[in-house]
N, C-alpha and C. Protein backbone atom coordinates (compact mmCIF):
# COMPACT_ATOMS: atom_id res chain seq x y z
N PHE A 1 -76.11 18.04 14.35
CA PHE A 1 -75.74 17.37 13.15
C PHE A 1 -76.89 16.19 13.34
N GLY A 2 -77.59 15.96 14.48
CA GLY A 2 -78.69 15.21 14.44
C GLY A 2 -78.17 13.86 14.74
N TYR A 3 -77.06 13.67 15.07
CA TYR A 3 -76.51 12.27 15.58
C TYR A 3 -77.00 12.09 17.21
N ARG A 4 -77.27 10.90 17.43
CA ARG A 4 -77.77 10.50 18.83
C ARG A 4 -76.78 9.77 19.53
N THR A 5 -75.66 9.25 19.10
CA THR A 5 -74.65 8.37 19.51
C THR A 5 -73.28 8.76 19.11
N LEU A 6 -72.23 8.69 20.41
CA LEU A 6 -71.15 9.10 19.97
C LEU A 6 -70.07 7.86 20.44
N VAL A 7 -69.19 7.42 19.72
CA VAL A 7 -68.01 6.60 19.91
C VAL A 7 -66.61 7.18 20.24
N ILE A 8 -66.04 7.06 21.09
CA ILE A 8 -64.49 7.19 21.15
C ILE A 8 -63.90 6.00 21.51
N SER A 9 -62.41 6.01 20.89
CA SER A 9 -61.48 5.17 21.21
C SER A 9 -60.33 5.52 21.02
N GLY A 10 -59.30 4.65 21.20
CA GLY A 10 -57.79 5.03 21.25
C GLY A 10 -57.35 5.75 22.68
N GLY A 11 -56.28 6.20 22.56
CA GLY A 11 -55.63 6.97 23.80
C GLY A 11 -56.53 7.75 24.44
N VAL A 12 -57.14 8.76 23.58
CA VAL A 12 -58.19 9.85 24.06
C VAL A 12 -59.18 9.12 24.99
N ALA A 13 -59.71 7.89 24.75
CA ALA A 13 -60.91 7.26 25.58
C ALA A 13 -60.15 7.07 27.03
N ALA A 14 -58.80 7.10 27.17
CA ALA A 14 -58.49 6.34 28.52
C ALA A 14 -58.57 7.95 29.35
N ASN A 15 -59.04 8.91 28.86
CA ASN A 15 -59.17 10.29 29.77
C ASN A 15 -60.54 9.97 30.61
N ALA A 16 -60.32 10.02 31.70
CA ALA A 16 -61.45 9.82 32.59
C ALA A 16 -62.39 11.04 32.57
N LEU A 17 -61.55 12.25 32.73
CA LEU A 17 -62.47 13.62 33.00
C LEU A 17 -63.10 13.71 31.43
N LEU A 18 -62.60 13.64 30.12
CA LEU A 18 -63.16 13.46 29.17
C LEU A 18 -64.47 12.61 29.04
N ARG A 19 -63.99 11.37 29.43
CA ARG A 19 -65.15 10.52 29.27
C ARG A 19 -66.43 11.05 30.16
N ASN A 20 -65.81 11.40 31.14
CA ASN A 20 -67.23 11.85 32.00
C ASN A 20 -67.87 13.15 31.74
N ARG A 21 -67.03 14.04 31.27
CA ARG A 21 -67.92 15.27 30.78
C ARG A 21 -68.73 15.07 29.27
N LEU A 22 -67.96 14.08 28.67
CA LEU A 22 -69.04 13.95 27.26
C LEU A 22 -70.13 12.89 27.77
N ALA A 23 -70.19 12.22 28.59
CA ALA A 23 -71.20 11.21 28.90
C ALA A 23 -72.14 12.39 29.56
N GLU A 24 -71.79 13.18 30.36
CA GLU A 24 -72.88 13.95 30.95
C GLU A 24 -73.41 15.05 29.94
N LYS A 25 -72.76 15.45 28.66
CA LYS A 25 -73.27 16.59 27.88
C LYS A 25 -74.09 15.51 26.93
N ILE A 26 -73.66 14.27 26.49
CA ILE A 26 -74.43 13.75 25.47
C ILE A 26 -75.83 12.87 26.15
N GLU A 27 -75.66 12.50 27.39
CA GLU A 27 -76.89 11.71 28.08
C GLU A 27 -77.75 13.03 28.30
N ALA A 28 -77.40 14.15 28.57
CA ALA A 28 -78.35 15.18 28.90
C ALA A 28 -79.19 15.66 27.89
N ARG A 29 -78.44 15.37 26.64
CA ARG A 29 -79.39 15.68 25.38
C ARG A 29 -80.07 14.60 24.77
N GLY A 30 -80.25 13.27 25.42
CA GLY A 30 -80.65 12.20 24.97
C GLY A 30 -80.21 11.29 24.48
N GLY A 31 -78.80 11.64 24.09
CA GLY A 31 -77.88 10.46 23.45
C GLY A 31 -77.26 9.61 24.26
N VAL A 32 -76.70 8.88 23.53
CA VAL A 32 -75.88 7.72 23.98
C VAL A 32 -74.32 7.70 23.72
N PHE A 33 -73.67 7.40 24.71
CA PHE A 33 -72.30 7.40 24.68
C PHE A 33 -71.37 6.21 24.88
N HIS A 34 -70.51 5.72 24.07
CA HIS A 34 -69.81 4.55 24.03
C HIS A 34 -68.57 4.51 23.89
N TYR A 35 -67.58 3.85 25.08
CA TYR A 35 -66.30 3.85 24.97
C TYR A 35 -65.71 2.67 25.25
N PRO A 36 -64.41 2.10 25.01
CA PRO A 36 -64.30 0.78 25.47
C PRO A 36 -63.60 0.65 26.81
N GLY A 37 -63.47 -0.55 27.37
CA GLY A 37 -62.83 -0.46 28.58
C GLY A 37 -61.46 0.03 28.76
N LEU A 38 -60.85 0.42 29.63
CA LEU A 38 -59.40 1.23 29.98
C LEU A 38 -58.29 0.17 29.39
N HIS A 39 -58.38 -0.99 29.53
CA HIS A 39 -57.23 -2.00 28.79
C HIS A 39 -57.26 -1.94 27.44
N LEU A 40 -58.59 -1.51 26.80
CA LEU A 40 -58.33 -1.41 25.48
C LEU A 40 -58.34 0.15 24.75
N CYS A 41 -58.06 0.96 25.68
CA CYS A 41 -57.72 2.36 25.31
C CYS A 41 -56.26 2.64 24.96
N THR A 42 -55.87 2.33 24.12
CA THR A 42 -54.21 2.46 23.80
C THR A 42 -54.15 3.36 22.63
N ASP A 43 -53.01 4.02 22.63
CA ASP A 43 -52.77 4.93 21.45
C ASP A 43 -52.37 3.97 20.13
N ASN A 44 -52.35 4.78 19.00
CA ASN A 44 -51.90 3.96 17.81
C ASN A 44 -50.43 3.75 17.31
N ALA A 45 -49.45 4.09 18.47
CA ALA A 45 -48.23 4.21 18.23
C ALA A 45 -47.72 3.09 17.69
N VAL A 46 -48.04 1.88 18.06
CA VAL A 46 -47.37 0.68 17.40
C VAL A 46 -48.01 0.61 16.08
N MET A 47 -49.16 0.94 15.51
CA MET A 47 -49.72 1.22 14.07
C MET A 47 -48.72 1.89 13.45
N ILE A 48 -48.59 3.12 13.87
CA ILE A 48 -47.76 4.20 13.14
C ILE A 48 -46.07 3.74 13.11
N ALA A 49 -45.71 3.16 14.02
CA ALA A 49 -44.40 2.61 14.08
C ALA A 49 -43.99 1.36 13.05
N TRP A 50 -45.05 0.79 12.99
CA TRP A 50 -45.01 -0.36 11.83
C TRP A 50 -45.17 0.11 10.53
N VAL A 51 -45.87 1.13 10.33
CA VAL A 51 -46.00 1.89 8.91
C VAL A 51 -44.69 2.44 8.66
N GLY A 52 -43.97 3.19 9.44
CA GLY A 52 -42.65 3.60 9.41
C GLY A 52 -41.85 2.56 9.18
N TRP A 53 -41.72 1.53 9.86
CA TRP A 53 -40.68 0.45 9.64
C TRP A 53 -40.92 -0.08 8.20
N ARG A 54 -41.97 -0.21 7.91
CA ARG A 54 -42.56 -0.59 6.47
C ARG A 54 -41.79 0.30 5.39
N ARG A 55 -42.00 1.44 5.62
CA ARG A 55 -41.63 2.60 4.71
C ARG A 55 -40.26 2.60 4.90
N LEU A 56 -39.54 2.34 5.58
CA LEU A 56 -38.05 2.30 5.82
C LEU A 56 -37.49 1.13 5.00
N LEU A 57 -38.12 0.01 5.39
CA LEU A 57 -37.68 -1.36 4.41
C LEU A 57 -37.96 -1.23 3.03
N ALA A 58 -38.99 -0.19 2.52
CA ALA A 58 -39.20 0.21 1.24
C ALA A 58 -38.35 1.07 0.27
N GLY A 59 -37.36 1.58 1.29
CA GLY A 59 -36.16 2.53 0.96
C GLY A 59 -36.46 3.99 0.97
N GLU A 60 -37.78 4.39 1.72
CA GLU A 60 -37.96 5.80 1.77
C GLU A 60 -37.22 6.33 3.01
N ARG A 61 -36.29 7.40 2.86
CA ARG A 61 -35.93 8.25 3.64
C ARG A 61 -36.22 9.48 3.62
N HIS A 62 -36.19 10.42 4.74
CA HIS A 62 -36.61 11.62 5.05
C HIS A 62 -35.62 12.33 6.06
N GLY A 63 -35.35 13.43 5.77
CA GLY A 63 -34.40 14.15 6.44
C GLY A 63 -35.01 14.80 7.59
N LEU A 64 -34.29 15.43 8.61
CA LEU A 64 -34.84 16.16 9.84
C LEU A 64 -35.72 17.14 9.57
N ASP A 65 -35.97 17.67 8.39
CA ASP A 65 -36.91 18.84 8.16
C ASP A 65 -38.35 18.07 8.05
N LEU A 66 -38.38 16.71 8.11
CA LEU A 66 -39.86 16.10 7.85
C LEU A 66 -40.75 16.84 8.89
N THR A 67 -42.07 17.26 8.34
CA THR A 67 -43.10 17.61 9.43
C THR A 67 -44.01 16.67 9.63
N GLY A 68 -44.66 16.84 10.66
CA GLY A 68 -45.88 15.75 10.92
C GLY A 68 -47.18 16.18 10.30
N GLN A 69 -48.07 15.08 10.25
CA GLN A 69 -49.01 15.04 9.19
C GLN A 69 -50.15 14.31 10.08
N PRO A 70 -50.93 15.34 10.87
CA PRO A 70 -51.99 14.70 11.67
C PRO A 70 -53.07 13.70 11.26
N ASN A 71 -53.44 14.00 10.02
CA ASN A 71 -54.36 13.36 9.50
C ASN A 71 -54.05 12.53 8.28
N LEU A 72 -52.79 12.13 8.18
CA LEU A 72 -52.39 11.24 7.16
C LEU A 72 -53.30 9.90 7.08
N PRO A 73 -53.84 9.60 5.73
CA PRO A 73 -54.56 8.52 5.66
C PRO A 73 -53.46 7.17 5.26
N LEU A 74 -53.89 6.07 6.12
CA LEU A 74 -52.87 5.04 6.01
C LEU A 74 -53.10 4.36 4.79
N PRO A 75 -54.21 4.41 3.87
CA PRO A 75 -54.46 3.53 2.68
C PRO A 75 -53.45 4.00 1.67
N GLY A 76 -52.60 3.30 1.02
CA GLY A 76 -51.66 3.68 -0.23
C GLY A 76 -50.25 4.29 0.54
N LEU A 77 -50.06 4.21 1.85
CA LEU A 77 -49.00 4.40 2.50
C LEU A 77 -47.74 3.24 2.13
N ILE A 78 -48.31 1.97 2.21
CA ILE A 78 -47.31 1.11 2.12
C ILE A 78 -48.14 0.07 1.09
N LYS A 79 -47.13 -0.91 0.66
CA LYS A 79 -47.70 -1.76 -0.48
C LYS A 79 -48.18 -3.09 0.71
N TRP A 80 -49.36 -3.30 0.77
CA TRP A 80 -49.82 -4.29 1.58
C TRP A 80 -49.51 -5.67 0.84
N GLU A 81 -48.99 -6.75 1.72
CA GLU A 81 -48.98 -8.21 1.17
C GLU A 81 -50.20 -8.98 1.03
N GLN A 82 -50.19 -9.74 0.13
CA GLN A 82 -51.48 -10.65 -0.27
C GLN A 82 -50.98 -11.91 0.65
N HIS A 83 -52.00 -12.42 1.41
CA HIS A 83 -52.03 -13.69 2.20
C HIS A 83 -53.16 -14.46 1.96
């Protein structure tokens, strides 16, 4: 694609083997690889739980047949408060 820089974050960035392999491959091709310190490599479980809680408070209910949506966009899922 012609990109020279890769940035990873979140829980996946905590995987040392993945970080090392990506760094080797990208740097061998003259690219730059960035990732945060391990203390910042957390997953987004709190964010997802917060959205679920807000939807529950808004009266949304789903049965046990609810399926996962791994690429669900957050905009529009909840009504954001104005501060």
